[in-house]
Amino acid sequence: MERTLEIDFTICGIEVDQPYEGTSISVAMRELEYGGKRLSNCIHLQYRASVAPDTTLSEQEYINRVLLEERHLPLQSLSLLLNRPSRYLGHKARLDGIDVKLKLPRQDFPLGLYNVVAMWDRPLTTIRYSSAVHNDRWPLLETLVSEFRQKPTALRKRLTLPLRWFTKAADEMASLDRLVAFWISFNALYADPYKHERDAIRSYIKIDVDPFIAQRHIDSNEQLLLTLSSLPIELRGGRQIAQELAQALKASPRNYTNVVEIAALTIYGIRCALFHGECDPDSEDDQKHIRVAERLLSRLVRELIAKQMLGYPLTTTKFATHEKLGP
């Protein structure tokens, strides 16, 4: 007999116009004190799921396993749809109506200063920033979560790293930080240890990018792509990749998959300049390159991950309608 898991999340940086009550997800606005500050741009998101019992584990071991498996899914799915900064503040969980907590065996601090610091809370950057989500958008989140929960374990494991880095990228404010994390998410999708980086990107796009997604991505981001094609971007060896993108965009009829491939390689050129120290983040021109690359890459990776989670392309409906900065 299946058991019932309920997790109440508190998330800062999102506003809703009215409460939502669905089958597996409920959402309502919430005000709270956090870090000595009064926050009015928070939501209470309740996630409900049926989980299979496991009599081979003790109750606490079972709780640990279920919470580790389930708590990231709604948060990462929300970040994927939102693609804008939000901040998870905490959660409370119940199993069959009884409060439960994660209690892992005691572990030593991981070696390295970075690992220790990473365990602390980062600054609450969304204290005055919010994305608005209308009531009729939440079923999309429910569908994404429920469809992905039914996918094979191998697929869910394969998307663990892309989802983790997409969530990190979406929660960053600066375009440079977002681009770096979005690229790692993309890299986790196309990675092939037996191929050169460029060949792995080309192969992934030709084999795994849905033609419908390719056309929709190009048509809906044409101005950004035209801007990208006008930048002085080249690959190592002198290949004028941005000029190739300009020609591909002018072609009639367009080969949409080819345009996505060349655009990805153009962004790869920006990524290489950034990663290898050839980019000056304080330069106005390089900042423009980073902004354009980040916006295009985030939208493409979002589509690619969502397609695998759902089994079909994501709806064109915008999840978040607008952003707000202020009290």
C-alpha atoms as a PDB file:
ATOM      1  CA  MET A   1       0.000   0.000   0.000  1.00  0.00           C
ATOM      2  CA  GLU A   2       1.465   3.348  -1.045  1.00  0.00           C
ATOM      3  CA  ARG A   3       2.286   6.021   1.500  1.00  0.00           C
ATOM      4  CA  THR A   4       1.512   9.734   1.316  1.00  0.00           C
ATOM      5  CA  LEU A   5       4.270  12.335   1.388  1.00  0.00           C
ATOM      6  CA  GLU A   6       3.544  16.044   1.851  1.00  0.00           C
ATOM      7  CA  ILE A   7       6.235  18.733   1.688  1.00  0.00           C
ATOM      8  CA  ASP A   8       5.553  22.407   2.473  1.00  0.00           C
ATOM      9  CA  PHE A   9       8.121  24.671   0.778  1.00  0.00           C
ATOM     10  CA  THR A  10       8.699  28.346   1.512  1.00  0.00           C
ATOM     11  CA  ILE A  11      10.103  30.184  -1.513  1.00  0.00           C
ATOM     12  CA  CYS A  12      11.060  33.864  -1.815  1.00  0.00           C
ATOM     13  CA  GLY A  13      10.957  35.864  -5.047  1.00  0.00           C
ATOM     14  CA  ILE A  14       7.560  34.785  -6.433  1.00  0.00           C
ATOM     15  CA  GLU A  15       4.161  36.468  -6.279  1.00  0.00           C
ATOM     16  CA  VAL A  16       0.752  34.982  -7.120  1.00  0.00           C
ATOM     17  CA  ASP A  17      -2.527  36.824  -7.683  1.00  0.00           C
ATOM     18  CA  GLN A  18      -4.668  34.190  -5.942  1.00  0.00           C
ATOM     19  CA  PRO A  19      -4.253  30.784  -4.275  1.00  0.00           C
ATOM     20  CA  TYR A  20      -4.046  27.667  -6.400  1.00  0.00           C
ATOM     21  CA  GLU A  21      -5.307  24.241  -5.328  1.00  0.00           C
ATOM     22  CA  GLY A  22      -4.368  21.335  -7.568  1.00  0.00           C
ATOM     23  CA  THR A  23      -4.135  17.581  -7.276  1.00  0.00           C
ATOM     24  CA  SER A  24      -0.492  17.396  -6.239  1.00  0.00           C
ATOM     25  CA  ILE A  25       0.475  21.062  -5.780  1.00  0.00           C
ATOM     26  CA  SER A  26      -1.091  23.949  -3.861  1.00  0.00           C
ATOM     27  CA  VAL A  27       0.240  27.524  -3.832  1.00  0.00           C
ATOM     28  CA  ALA A  28      -0.538  30.604  -1.738  1.00  0.00           C
ATOM     29  CA  MET A  29       1.141  33.903  -0.916  1.00  0.00           C
ATOM     30  CA  ARG A  30       2.926  34.080   2.410  1.00  0.00           C
ATOM     31  CA  GLU A  31       4.467  36.845   4.522  1.00  0.00           C
ATOM     32  CA  LEU A  32       7.140  35.968   7.051  1.00  0.00           C
ATOM     33  CA  GLU A  33      10.088  37.171   9.072  1.00  0.00           C
ATOM     34  CA  TYR A  34      13.406  35.914   7.760  1.00  0.00           C
ATOM     35  CA  GLY A  35      16.837  37.064   8.859  1.00  0.00           C
ATOM     36  CA  GLY A  36      15.321  39.999  10.708  1.00  0.00           C
ATOM     37  CA  LYS A  37      13.448  41.210   7.616  1.00  0.00           C
ATOM     38  CA  ARG A  38       9.753  41.161   6.778  1.00  0.00           C
ATOM     39  CA  LEU A  39       9.258  39.395   3.448  1.00  0.00           C
ATOM     40  CA  SER A  40       6.037  39.853   1.480  1.00  0.00           C
ATOM     41  CA  ASN A  41       7.148  38.253  -1.809  1.00  0.00           C
ATOM     42  CA  CYS A  42       7.077  34.626  -0.689  1.00  0.00           C
ATOM     43  CA  ILE A  43       4.899  31.650  -1.500  1.00  0.00           C
ATOM     44  CA  HIS A  44       3.924  28.557   0.399  1.00  0.00           C
ATOM     45  CA  LEU A  45       4.032  25.634  -2.055  1.00  0.00           C
ATOM     46  CA  GLN A  46       2.681  22.307  -0.879  1.00  0.00           C
ATOM     47  CA  TYR A  47       3.705  19.207  -2.822  1.00  0.00           C
ATOM     48  CA  ARG A  48       1.871  15.899  -2.367  1.00  0.00           C
ATOM     49  CA  ALA A  49       3.033  12.551  -3.735  1.00  0.00           C
ATOM     50  CA  SER A  50       2.301   8.860  -3.291  1.00  0.00           C
ATOM     51  CA  VAL A  51       5.483   6.895  -2.570  1.00  0.00           C
ATOM     52  CA  ALA A  52       6.032   3.153  -2.620  1.00  0.00           C
ATOM     53  CA  PRO A  53       6.818   1.521   0.745  1.00  0.00           C
ATOM     54  CA  ASP A  54      10.081  -0.316   1.359  1.00  0.00           C
ATOM     55  CA  THR A  55      10.072  -2.831   4.224  1.00  0.00           C
ATOM     56  CA  THR A  56      13.792  -3.556   3.780  1.00  0.00           C
ATOM     57  CA  LEU A  57      14.665  -0.188   5.360  1.00  0.00           C
ATOM     58  CA  SER A  58      14.171   1.176   8.853  1.00  0.00           C
ATOM     59  CA  GLU A  59      11.613   3.972   9.108  1.00  0.00           C
ATOM     60  CA  GLN A  60      14.265   6.705   9.311  1.00  0.00           C
ATOM     61  CA  GLU A  61      16.258   5.214   6.441  1.00  0.00           C
ATOM     62  CA  TYR A  62      13.067   5.161   4.412  1.00  0.00           C
ATOM     63  CA  ILE A  63      12.283   8.781   5.327  1.00  0.00           C
ATOM     64  CA  ASN A  64      15.793   9.818   4.327  1.00  0.00           C
ATOM     65  CA  ARG A  65      15.548   8.065   0.979  1.00  0.00           C
ATOM     66  CA  VAL A  66      12.104   9.434   0.138  1.00  0.00           C
ATOM     67  CA  LEU A  67      12.956  13.008   1.108  1.00  0.00           C
ATOM     68  CA  LEU A  68      16.232  12.970  -0.821  1.00  0.00           C
ATOM     69  CA  GLU A  69      14.441  11.596  -3.887  1.00  0.00           C
ATOM     70  CA  GLU A  70      11.382  13.840  -3.786  1.00  0.00           C
ATOM     71  CA  ARG A  71      12.239  17.235  -2.332  1.00  0.00           C
ATOM     72  CA  HIS A  72      14.381  18.464  -5.245  1.00  0.00           C
ATOM     73  CA  LEU A  73      11.909  17.558  -7.992  1.00  0.00           C
ATOM     74  CA  PRO A  74       9.284  20.303  -7.446  1.00  0.00           C
ATOM     75  CA  LEU A  75      11.954  22.937  -6.728  1.00  0.00           C
ATOM     76  CA  GLN A  76      14.007  22.098  -9.814  1.00  0.00           C
ATOM     77  CA  SER A  77      10.898  21.851 -11.999  1.00  0.00           C
ATOM     78  CA  LEU A  78       9.784  25.256 -10.738  1.00  0.00           C
ATOM     79  CA  SER A  79      13.194  26.773 -11.558  1.00  0.00           C
ATOM     80  CA  LEU A  80      13.047  25.228 -15.028  1.00  0.00           C
ATOM     81  CA  LEU A  81       9.686  26.819 -15.803  1.00  0.00           C
ATOM     82  CA  LEU A  82      10.414  30.100 -14.048  1.00  0.00           C
ATOM     83  CA  ASN A  83      13.961  30.551 -15.441  1.00  0.00           C
ATOM     84  CA  ARG A  84      14.285  33.532 -13.103  1.00  0.00           C
ATOM     85  CA  PRO A  85      15.782  33.951  -9.622  1.00  0.00           C
ATOM     86  CA  SER A  86      13.898  32.593  -6.622  1.00  0.00           C
ATOM     87  CA  ARG A  87      15.132  31.446  -3.231  1.00  0.00           C
ATOM     88  CA  TYR A  88      14.168  28.303  -1.367  1.00  0.00           C
ATOM     89  CA  LEU A  89      14.021  29.186   2.341  1.00  0.00           C
ATOM     90  CA  GLY A  90      13.068  25.863   3.910  1.00  0.00           C
ATOM     91  CA  HIS A  91      10.558  23.062   4.089  1.00  0.00           C
ATOM     92  CA  LYS A  92       8.523  20.896   6.436  1.00  0.00           C
ATOM     93  CA  ALA A  93       7.546  17.342   5.559  1.00  0.00           C
ATOM     94  CA  ARG A  94       4.899  14.840   6.650  1.00  0.00           C
ATOM     95  CA  LEU A  95       4.688  11.129   5.879  1.00  0.00           C
ATOM     96  CA  ASP A  96       1.208   9.665   6.328  1.00  0.00           C
ATOM     97  CA  GLY A  97       0.304  12.809   8.272  1.00  0.00           C
ATOM     98  CA  ILE A  98       3.232  12.574  10.726  1.00  0.00           C
ATOM     99  CA  ASP A  99       6.010  15.202  10.785  1.00  0.00           C
ATOM    100  CA  VAL A 100       9.325  13.805   9.547  1.00  0.00           C
ATOM    101  CA  LYS A 101      12.834  15.177   9.096  1.00  0.00           C
ATOM    102  CA  LEU A 102      15.935  14.205   7.213  1.00  0.00           C
ATOM    103  CA  LYS A 103      18.414  12.614   9.659  1.00  0.00           C
ATOM    104  CA  LEU A 104      21.505  11.460   7.835  1.00  0.00           C
ATOM    105  CA  PRO A 105      24.407   9.710   9.585  1.00  0.00           C
ATOM    106  CA  ARG A 106      26.928  12.137  11.015  1.00  0.00           C
ATOM    107  CA  GLN A 107      29.582  13.143   8.494  1.00  0.00           C
ATOM    108  CA  ASP A 108      32.758  15.171   8.755  1.00  0.00           C
ATOM    109  CA  PHE A 109      32.957  18.489   6.939  1.00  0.00           C
ATOM    110  CA  PRO A 110      34.177  17.938   3.384  1.00  0.00           C
ATOM    111  CA  LEU A 111      37.743  19.025   2.776  1.00  0.00           C
ATOM    112  CA  GLY A 112      38.333  22.483   1.313  1.00  0.00           C
ATOM    113  CA  LEU A 113      37.209  25.947   2.314  1.00  0.00           C
ATOM    114  CA  TYR A 114      34.809  26.212  -0.618  1.00  0.00           C
ATOM    115  CA  ASN A 115      32.904  23.087   0.438  1.00  0.00           C
ATOM    116  CA  VAL A 116      32.499  24.423   3.962  1.00  0.00           C
ATOM    117  CA  VAL A 117      31.326  27.855   2.802  1.00  0.00           C
ATOM    118  CA  ALA A 118      28.935  26.252   0.294  1.00  0.00           C
ATOM    119  CA  MET A 119      27.049  24.700   3.221  1.00  0.00           C
ATOM    120  CA  TRP A 120      26.122  28.145   4.565  1.00  0.00           C
ATOM    121  CA  ASP A 121      23.122  30.146   3.369  1.00  0.00           C
ATOM    122  CA  ARG A 122      23.933  32.556   0.580  1.00  0.00           C
ATOM    123  CA  PRO A 123      22.627  36.156   0.715  1.00  0.00           C
ATOM    124  CA  LEU A 124      18.894  36.586   0.155  1.00  0.00           C
ATOM    125  CA  THR A 125      19.165  38.356  -3.202  1.00  0.00           C
ATOM    126  CA  THR A 126      15.439  38.008  -3.962  1.00  0.00           C
ATOM    127  CA  ILE A 127      14.358  40.088  -0.962  1.00  0.00           C
ATOM    128  CA  ARG A 128      13.100  42.897  -3.260  1.00  0.00           C
ATOM    129  CA  TYR A 129      12.815  40.949  -6.494  1.00  0.00           C
ATOM    130  CA  SER A 130       9.783  38.942  -7.627  1.00  0.00           C
ATOM    131  CA  SER A 131       8.388  37.108 -10.635  1.00  0.00           C
ATOM    132  CA  ALA A 132       4.615  37.059 -11.040  1.00  0.00           C
ATOM    133  CA  VAL A 133       2.945  33.725 -11.774  1.00  0.00           C
ATOM    134  CA  HIS A 134      -0.773  33.698 -12.574  1.00  0.00           C
ATOM    135  CA  ASN A 135      -3.108  31.112 -11.123  1.00  0.00           C
ATOM    136  CA  ASP A 136      -3.635  29.294 -14.437  1.00  0.00           C
ATOM    137  CA  ARG A 137       0.099  28.551 -14.868  1.00  0.00           C
ATOM    138  CA  TRP A 138       0.507  26.141 -11.944  1.00  0.00           C
ATOM    139  CA  PRO A 139      -1.040  23.106 -13.714  1.00  0.00           C
ATOM    140  CA  LEU A 140       1.992  23.223 -16.012  1.00  0.00           C
ATOM    141  CA  LEU A 141       4.248  22.620 -12.998  1.00  0.00           C
ATOM    142  CA  GLU A 142       2.012  19.775 -11.823  1.00  0.00           C
ATOM    143  CA  THR A 143       2.177  18.150 -15.240  1.00  0.00           C
ATOM    144  CA  LEU A 144       5.956  18.480 -15.470  1.00  0.00           C
ATOM    145  CA  VAL A 145       6.462  16.888 -12.054  1.00  0.00           C
ATOM    146  CA  SER A 146       3.938  14.079 -12.515  1.00  0.00           C
ATOM    147  CA  GLU A 147       5.185  13.146 -16.005  1.00  0.00           C
ATOM    148  CA  PHE A 148       8.827  13.097 -14.907  1.00  0.00           C
ATOM    149  CA  ARG A 149       8.069  10.934 -11.855  1.00  0.00           C
ATOM    150  CA  GLN A 150       6.806   8.242 -14.239  1.00  0.00           C
ATOM    151  CA  LYS A 151       9.926   8.242 -16.416  1.00  0.00           C
ATOM    152  CA  PRO A 152      12.494   5.403 -16.137  1.00  0.00           C
ATOM    153  CA  THR A 153      15.016   5.675 -13.321  1.00  0.00           C
ATOM    154  CA  ALA A 154      17.891   5.828 -15.826  1.00  0.00           C
ATOM    155  CA  LEU A 155      16.455   8.964 -17.455  1.00  0.00           C
ATOM    156  CA  ARG A 156      15.839  10.627 -14.111  1.00  0.00           C
ATOM    157  CA  LYS A 157      19.430   9.957 -13.086  1.00  0.00           C
ATOM    158  CA  ARG A 158      20.729  11.224 -16.421  1.00  0.00           C
ATOM    159  CA  LEU A 159      18.942  14.546 -15.922  1.00  0.00           C
ATOM    160  CA  THR A 160      20.127  14.996 -12.319  1.00  0.00           C
ATOM    161  CA  LEU A 161      23.163  17.084 -13.272  1.00  0.00           C
ATOM    162  CA  PRO A 162      21.509  19.201 -16.026  1.00  0.00           C
ATOM    163  CA  LEU A 163      18.618  20.032 -13.680  1.00  0.00           C
ATOM    164  CA  ARG A 164      20.914  20.872 -10.778  1.00  0.00           C
ATOM    165  CA  TRP A 165      22.973  23.318 -12.848  1.00  0.00           C
ATOM    166  CA  PHE A 166      19.917  24.795 -14.555  1.00  0.00           C
ATOM    167  CA  THR A 167      18.445  25.525 -11.123  1.00  0.00           C
ATOM    168  CA  LYS A 168      21.706  27.131  -9.989  1.00  0.00           C
ATOM    169  CA  ALA A 169      21.812  29.238 -13.157  1.00  0.00           C
ATOM    170  CA  ALA A 170      18.188  30.346 -12.902  1.00  0.00           C
ATOM    171  CA  ASP A 171      18.700  31.472  -9.301  1.00  0.00           C
ATOM    172  CA  GLU A 172      21.650  33.739 -10.169  1.00  0.00           C
ATOM    173  CA  MET A 173      21.164  37.464 -10.777  1.00  0.00           C
ATOM    174  CA  ALA A 174      24.254  38.246 -12.899  1.00  0.00           C
ATOM    175  CA  SER A 175      24.322  37.243 -16.578  1.00  0.00           C
ATOM    176  CA  LEU A 176      27.929  36.039 -16.312  1.00  0.00           C
ATOM    177  CA  ASP A 177      27.120  33.640 -13.461  1.00  0.00           C
ATOM    178  CA  ARG A 178      23.996  32.486 -15.260  1.00  0.00           C
ATOM    179  CA  LEU A 179      25.872  31.792 -18.503  1.00  0.00           C
ATOM    180  CA  VAL A 180      28.554  29.719 -16.779  1.00  0.00           C
ATOM    181  CA  ALA A 181      25.997  27.558 -14.965  1.00  0.00           C
ATOM    182  CA  PHE A 182      23.692  27.231 -18.002  1.00  0.00           C
ATOM    183  CA  TRP A 183      26.656  26.090 -20.070  1.00  0.00           C
ATOM    184  CA  ILE A 184      27.510  23.389 -17.528  1.00  0.00           C
ATOM    185  CA  SER A 185      23.865  22.268 -17.654  1.00  0.00           C
ATOM    186  CA  PHE A 186      24.047  22.126 -21.472  1.00  0.00           C
ATOM    187  CA  ASN A 187      27.407  20.355 -21.316  1.00  0.00           C
ATOM    188  CA  ALA A 188      25.872  17.662 -19.100  1.00  0.00           C
ATOM    189  CA  LEU A 189      23.286  17.055 -21.856  1.00  0.00           C
ATOM    190  CA  TYR A 190      25.626  16.770 -24.837  1.00  0.00           C
ATOM    191  CA  ALA A 191      28.759  15.372 -23.143  1.00  0.00           C
ATOM    192  CA  ASP A 192      30.467  12.522 -24.994  1.00  0.00           C
ATOM    193  CA  PRO A 193      33.894  11.437 -23.681  1.00  0.00           C
ATOM    194  CA  TYR A 194      34.777   9.971 -27.073  1.00  0.00           C
ATOM    195  CA  LYS A 195      34.227  13.157 -29.078  1.00  0.00           C
ATOM    196  CA  HIS A 196      35.800  16.591 -29.328  1.00  0.00           C
ATOM    197  CA  GLU A 197      33.671  19.285 -27.724  1.00  0.00           C
ATOM    198  CA  ARG A 198      32.456  20.784 -31.005  1.00  0.00           C
ATOM    199  CA  ASP A 199      31.697  17.353 -32.470  1.00  0.00           C
ATOM    200  CA  ALA A 200      29.758  16.384 -29.342  1.00  0.00           C
ATOM    201  CA  ILE A 201      27.642  19.559 -29.613  1.00  0.00           C
ATOM    202  CA  ARG A 202      26.930  18.979 -33.315  1.00  0.00           C
ATOM    203  CA  SER A 203      26.084  15.313 -32.783  1.00  0.00           C
ATOM    204  CA  TYR A 204      23.757  16.029 -29.867  1.00  0.00           C
ATOM    205  CA  ILE A 205      21.821  18.697 -31.734  1.00  0.00           C
ATOM    206  CA  LYS A 206      21.442  16.621 -34.903  1.00  0.00           C
ATOM    207  CA  ILE A 207      20.276  13.521 -33.023  1.00  0.00           C
ATOM    208  CA  ASP A 208      18.451  14.824 -29.948  1.00  0.00           C
ATOM    209  CA  VAL A 209      17.014  18.246 -30.786  1.00  0.00           C
ATOM    210  CA  ASP A 210      13.397  17.939 -31.876  1.00  0.00           C
ATOM    211  CA  PRO A 211      12.802  19.738 -35.249  1.00  0.00           C
ATOM    212  CA  PHE A 212       9.705  21.413 -33.777  1.00  0.00           C
ATOM    213  CA  ILE A 213      11.747  22.759 -30.853  1.00  0.00           C
ATOM    214  CA  ALA A 214      14.481  23.915 -33.232  1.00  0.00           C
ATOM    215  CA  GLN A 215      12.021  25.889 -35.367  1.00  0.00           C
ATOM    216  CA  ARG A 216      10.215  27.370 -32.386  1.00  0.00           C
ATOM    217  CA  HIS A 217      13.495  28.394 -30.744  1.00  0.00           C
ATOM    218  CA  ILE A 218      14.745  30.141 -33.892  1.00  0.00           C
ATOM    219  CA  ASP A 219      11.447  31.860 -34.738  1.00  0.00           C
ATOM    220  CA  SER A 220      10.804  33.099 -31.187  1.00  0.00           C
ATOM    221  CA  ASN A 221      14.356  34.358 -30.614  1.00  0.00           C
ATOM    222  CA  GLU A 222      15.131  35.812 -34.028  1.00  0.00           C
ATOM    223  CA  GLN A 223      16.186  39.259 -32.811  1.00  0.00           C
ATOM    224  CA  LEU A 224      18.577  37.805 -30.245  1.00  0.00           C
ATOM    225  CA  LEU A 225      20.009  35.476 -32.893  1.00  0.00           C
ATOM    226  CA  LEU A 226      20.514  38.378 -35.309  1.00  0.00           C
ATOM    227  CA  THR A 227      22.357  40.229 -32.558  1.00  0.00           C
ATOM    228  CA  LEU A 228      24.483  37.168 -31.845  1.00  0.00           C
ATOM    229  CA  SER A 229      25.311  36.811 -35.549  1.00  0.00           C
ATOM    230  CA  SER A 230      26.510  40.428 -35.686  1.00  0.00           C
ATOM    231  CA  LEU A 231      29.107  39.958 -32.934  1.00  0.00           C
ATOM    232  CA  PRO A 232      32.805  39.369 -33.737  1.00  0.00           C
ATOM    233  CA  ILE A 233      32.818  35.768 -32.499  1.00  0.00           C
ATOM    234  CA  GLU A 234      35.171  33.147 -33.888  1.00  0.00           C
ATOM    235  CA  LEU A 235      36.256  29.675 -32.856  1.00  0.00           C
ATOM    236  CA  ARG A 236      39.841  28.639 -32.328  1.00  0.00           C
ATOM    237  CA  GLY A 237      41.488  28.140 -35.674  1.00  0.00           C
ATOM    238  CA  GLY A 238      39.924  31.302 -37.069  1.00  0.00           C
ATOM    239  CA  ARG A 239      36.492  29.893 -37.983  1.00  0.00           C
ATOM    240  CA  GLN A 240      34.141  32.899 -38.268  1.00  0.00           C
ATOM    241  CA  ILE A 241      31.227  31.190 -36.580  1.00  0.00           C
ATOM    242  CA  ALA A 242      29.074  34.318 -36.085  1.00  0.00           C
ATOM    243  CA  GLN A 243      29.296  35.049 -39.807  1.00  0.00           C
ATOM    244  CA  GLU A 244      28.176  31.483 -40.498  1.00  0.00           C
ATOM    245  CA  LEU A 245      25.196  32.081 -38.234  1.00  0.00           C
ATOM    246  CA  ALA A 246      24.294  35.240 -40.172  1.00  0.00           C
ATOM    247  CA  GLN A 247      24.317  33.268 -43.424  1.00  0.00           C
ATOM    248  CA  ALA A 248      22.269  30.424 -41.944  1.00  0.00           C
ATOM    249  CA  LEU A 249      19.637  32.902 -40.743  1.00  0.00           C
ATOM    250  CA  LYS A 250      19.377  34.392 -44.259  1.00  0.00           C
ATOM    251  CA  ALA A 251      18.952  31.026 -45.974  1.00  0.00           C
ATOM    252  CA  SER A 252      15.569  30.284 -47.578  1.00  0.00           C
ATOM    253  CA  PRO A 253      14.180  27.884 -46.664  1.00  0.00           C
ATOM    254  CA  ARG A 254      15.888  27.754 -43.307  1.00  0.00           C
ATOM    255  CA  ASN A 255      17.442  24.589 -41.989  1.00  0.00           C
ATOM    256  CA  TYR A 256      16.346  25.133 -38.387  1.00  0.00           C
ATOM    257  CA  THR A 257      18.401  22.326 -36.886  1.00  0.00           C
ATOM    258  CA  ASN A 258      21.478  23.697 -38.655  1.00  0.00           C
ATOM    259  CA  VAL A 259      20.774  27.194 -37.300  1.00  0.00           C
ATOM    260  CA  VAL A 260      20.501  25.813 -33.744  1.00  0.00           C
ATOM    261  CA  GLU A 261      23.804  23.989 -34.225  1.00  0.00           C
ATOM    262  CA  ILE A 262      25.658  27.064 -35.493  1.00  0.00           C
ATOM    263  CA  ALA A 263      24.094  29.268 -32.794  1.00  0.00           C
ATOM    264  CA  ALA A 264      25.212  26.786 -30.114  1.00  0.00           C
ATOM    265  CA  LEU A 265      28.750  26.824 -31.544  1.00  0.00           C
ATOM    266  CA  THR A 266      28.694  30.645 -31.573  1.00  0.00           C
ATOM    267  CA  ILE A 267      27.739  30.624 -27.893  1.00  0.00           C
ATOM    268  CA  TYR A 268      30.495  28.053 -27.423  1.00  0.00           C
ATOM    269  CA  GLY A 269      32.895  30.641 -28.842  1.00  0.00           C
ATOM    270  CA  ILE A 270      31.783  33.126 -26.178  1.00  0.00           C
ATOM    271  CA  ARG A 271      32.060  30.416 -23.547  1.00  0.00           C
ATOM    272  CA  CYS A 272      35.648  29.648 -24.627  1.00  0.00           C
ATOM    273  CA  ALA A 273      36.646  33.315 -24.492  1.00  0.00           C
ATOM    274  CA  LEU A 274      35.168  33.550 -21.000  1.00  0.00           C
ATOM    275  CA  PHE A 275      36.591  30.293 -19.656  1.00  0.00           C
ATOM    276  CA  HIS A 276      40.067  30.871 -21.124  1.00  0.00           C
ATOM    277  CA  GLY A 277      40.461  34.453 -19.921  1.00  0.00           C
ATOM    278  CA  GLU A 278      40.056  36.130 -23.313  1.00  0.00           C
ATOM    279  CA  CYS A 279      36.867  37.879 -22.195  1.00  0.00           C
ATOM    280  CA  ASP A 280      36.841  41.008 -20.017  1.00  0.00           C
ATOM    281  CA  PRO A 281      33.685  40.902 -17.862  1.00  0.00           C
ATOM    282  CA  ASP A 282      34.067  44.651 -17.219  1.00  0.00           C
ATOM    283  CA  SER A 283      34.044  45.457 -20.937  1.00  0.00           C
ATOM    284  CA  GLU A 284      30.736  46.796 -22.236  1.00  0.00           C
ATOM    285  CA  ASP A 285      31.108  44.798 -25.473  1.00  0.00           C
ATOM    286  CA  ASP A 286      31.884  41.547 -23.660  1.00  0.00           C
ATOM    287  CA  GLN A 287      28.993  42.122 -21.275  1.00  0.00           C
ATOM    288  CA  LYS A 288      26.709  42.355 -24.320  1.00  0.00           C
ATOM    289  CA  HIS A 289      28.108  39.075 -25.646  1.00  0.00           C
ATOM    290  CA  ILE A 290      27.459  37.398 -22.292  1.00  0.00           C
ATOM    291  CA  ARG A 291      23.901  38.741 -21.980  1.00  0.00           C
ATOM    292  CA  VAL A 292      22.876  37.609 -25.460  1.00  0.00           C
ATOM    293  CA  ALA A 293      24.499  34.184 -25.036  1.00  0.00           C
ATOM    294  CA  GLU A 294      22.913  33.638 -21.631  1.00  0.00           C
ATOM    295  CA  ARG A 295      19.397  34.456 -22.812  1.00  0.00           C
ATOM    296  CA  LEU A 296      19.594  32.232 -25.869  1.00  0.00           C
ATOM    297  CA  LEU A 297      21.260  29.338 -24.088  1.00  0.00           C
ATOM    298  CA  SER A 298      18.875  29.396 -21.126  1.00  0.00           C
ATOM    299  CA  ARG A 299      15.836  29.234 -23.391  1.00  0.00           C
ATOM    300  CA  LEU A 300      17.260  26.406 -25.474  1.00  0.00           C
ATOM    301  CA  VAL A 301      18.403  24.281 -22.524  1.00  0.00           C
ATOM    302  CA  ARG A 302      15.035  24.814 -20.828  1.00  0.00           C
ATOM    303  CA  GLU A 303      13.288  23.381 -23.896  1.00  0.00           C
ATOM    304  CA  LEU A 304      15.706  20.448 -24.162  1.00  0.00           C
ATOM    305  CA  ILE A 305      15.409  19.406 -20.509  1.00  0.00           C
ATOM    306  CA  ALA A 306      11.634  19.847 -20.405  1.00  0.00           C
ATOM    307  CA  LYS A 307      11.220  17.706 -23.555  1.00  0.00           C
ATOM    308  CA  GLN A 308      12.983  14.804 -21.833  1.00  0.00           C
ATOM    309  CA  MET A 309      11.026  15.292 -18.603  1.00  0.00           C
ATOM    310  CA  LEU A 310       7.668  15.399 -20.376  1.00  0.00           C
ATOM    311  CA  GLY A 311       8.314  13.199 -23.396  1.00  0.00           C
ATOM    312  CA  TYR A 312       6.980  15.972 -25.667  1.00  0.00           C
ATOM    313  CA  PRO A 313       7.774  19.685 -26.250  1.00  0.00           C
ATOM    314  CA  LEU A 314       6.923  22.192 -23.539  1.00  0.00           C
ATOM    315  CA  THR A 315       3.855  24.345 -24.108  1.00  0.00           C
ATOM    316  CA  THR A 316       4.467  27.865 -25.401  1.00  0.00           C
ATOM    317  CA  THR A 317       2.555  29.345 -22.440  1.00  0.00           C
ATOM    318  CA  LYS A 318       4.782  31.661 -20.394  1.00  0.00           C
ATOM    319  CA  PHE A 319       4.997  30.471 -16.813  1.00  0.00           C
ATOM    320  CA  ALA A 320       6.036  33.821 -15.322  1.00  0.00           C
ATOM    321  CA  THR A 321       4.315  36.884 -16.762  1.00  0.00           C
ATOM    322  CA  HIS A 322       6.534  39.729 -15.539  1.00  0.00           C
ATOM    323  CA  GLU A 323       9.193  40.747 -13.056  1.00  0.00           C
ATOM    324  CA  LYS A 324       9.045  43.308 -10.285  1.00  0.00           C
ATOM    325  CA  LEU A 325      11.745  45.081  -8.328  1.00  0.00           C
ATOM    326  CA  GLY A 326      10.735  46.878  -5.159  1.00  0.00           C
ATOM    327  CA  PRO A 327       8.823  46.446  -1.893  1.00  0.00           C
END
